[in-house]
């Protein structure tokens, strides 16, 4: 989840309304480098596709 602010109440509300549970692995106050963020998102998407193919 990407948030523009650090409002804990808003984040807790958003996570509570989610259909699937979420755990926070890391909290950052600034976004990482754009290229790194794109690479991580692509990696996550590829893993999800691979997982769906196994099912």
Protein backbone atom coordinates (compact mmCIF):
# COMPACT_ATOMS: atom_id res chain seq x y z
CA UNK A 1 0.00 0.00 0.00
CA UNK A 2 1.40 3.38 -0.94
CA UNK A 3 0.26 6.29 1.19
CA UNK A 4 0.96 9.96 0.68
CA UNK A 5 0.90 10.66 4.41
CA UNK A 6 1.67 8.96 7.69
CA UNK A 7 -1.84 9.03 9.16
CA UNK A 8 -2.01 5.78 11.14
CA UNK A 9 -5.80 5.96 11.55
CA UNK A 10 -6.36 6.16 7.78
CA UNK A 11 -4.03 3.21 7.14
CA UNK A 12 -5.63 1.11 9.89
CA UNK A 13 -9.11 1.86 8.49
CA UNK A 14 -8.05 0.94 4.96
CA UNK A 15 -6.49 -2.33 6.10
CA UNK A 16 -9.48 -3.22 8.28
CA UNK A 17 -11.83 -2.86 5.30
CA UNK A 18 -9.71 -5.13 3.10
CA UNK A 19 -11.06 -8.57 2.21
CA UNK A 20 -7.63 -10.13 2.74
CA UNK A 21 -5.33 -9.53 5.69
CA UNK A 22 -2.17 -7.50 5.16
CA UNK A 23 1.01 -7.35 7.15
CA UNK A 24 3.44 -4.45 7.10
CA UNK A 25 6.97 -5.60 6.38
CA UNK A 26 8.54 -2.19 6.18
CA UNK A 27 7.50 1.39 6.73
CA UNK A 28 9.22 4.10 4.70
CA UNK A 29 8.59 7.82 4.78
CA UNK A 30 9.90 8.36 1.25
CA UNK A 31 9.44 6.37 -1.93
CA UNK A 32 12.43 4.43 -3.22
CA UNK A 33 14.06 5.29 -6.53
CA UNK A 34 11.54 5.05 -9.38
CA UNK A 35 13.51 2.36 -11.23
CA UNK A 36 13.74 0.23 -8.08
CA UNK A 37 10.02 0.62 -7.42
CA UNK A 38 9.18 -0.40 -11.01
CA UNK A 39 11.48 -3.43 -10.75
CA UNK A 40 9.89 -4.56 -7.48
CA UNK A 41 6.37 -4.14 -8.85
CA UNK A 42 7.31 -6.11 -11.98
CA UNK A 43 8.85 -8.84 -9.83
CA UNK A 44 5.72 -9.05 -7.69
CA UNK A 45 3.49 -9.22 -10.77
CA UNK A 46 5.62 -11.99 -12.31
CA UNK A 47 5.45 -14.01 -9.07
CA UNK A 48 1.67 -13.63 -8.97
CA UNK A 49 1.34 -14.82 -12.58
CA UNK A 50 3.56 -17.83 -11.88
CA UNK A 51 1.49 -18.66 -8.82
CA UNK A 52 -1.75 -18.50 -10.80
CA UNK A 53 -0.33 -20.84 -13.47
CA UNK A 54 0.50 -23.43 -10.80
CA UNK A 55 -3.12 -23.50 -9.61
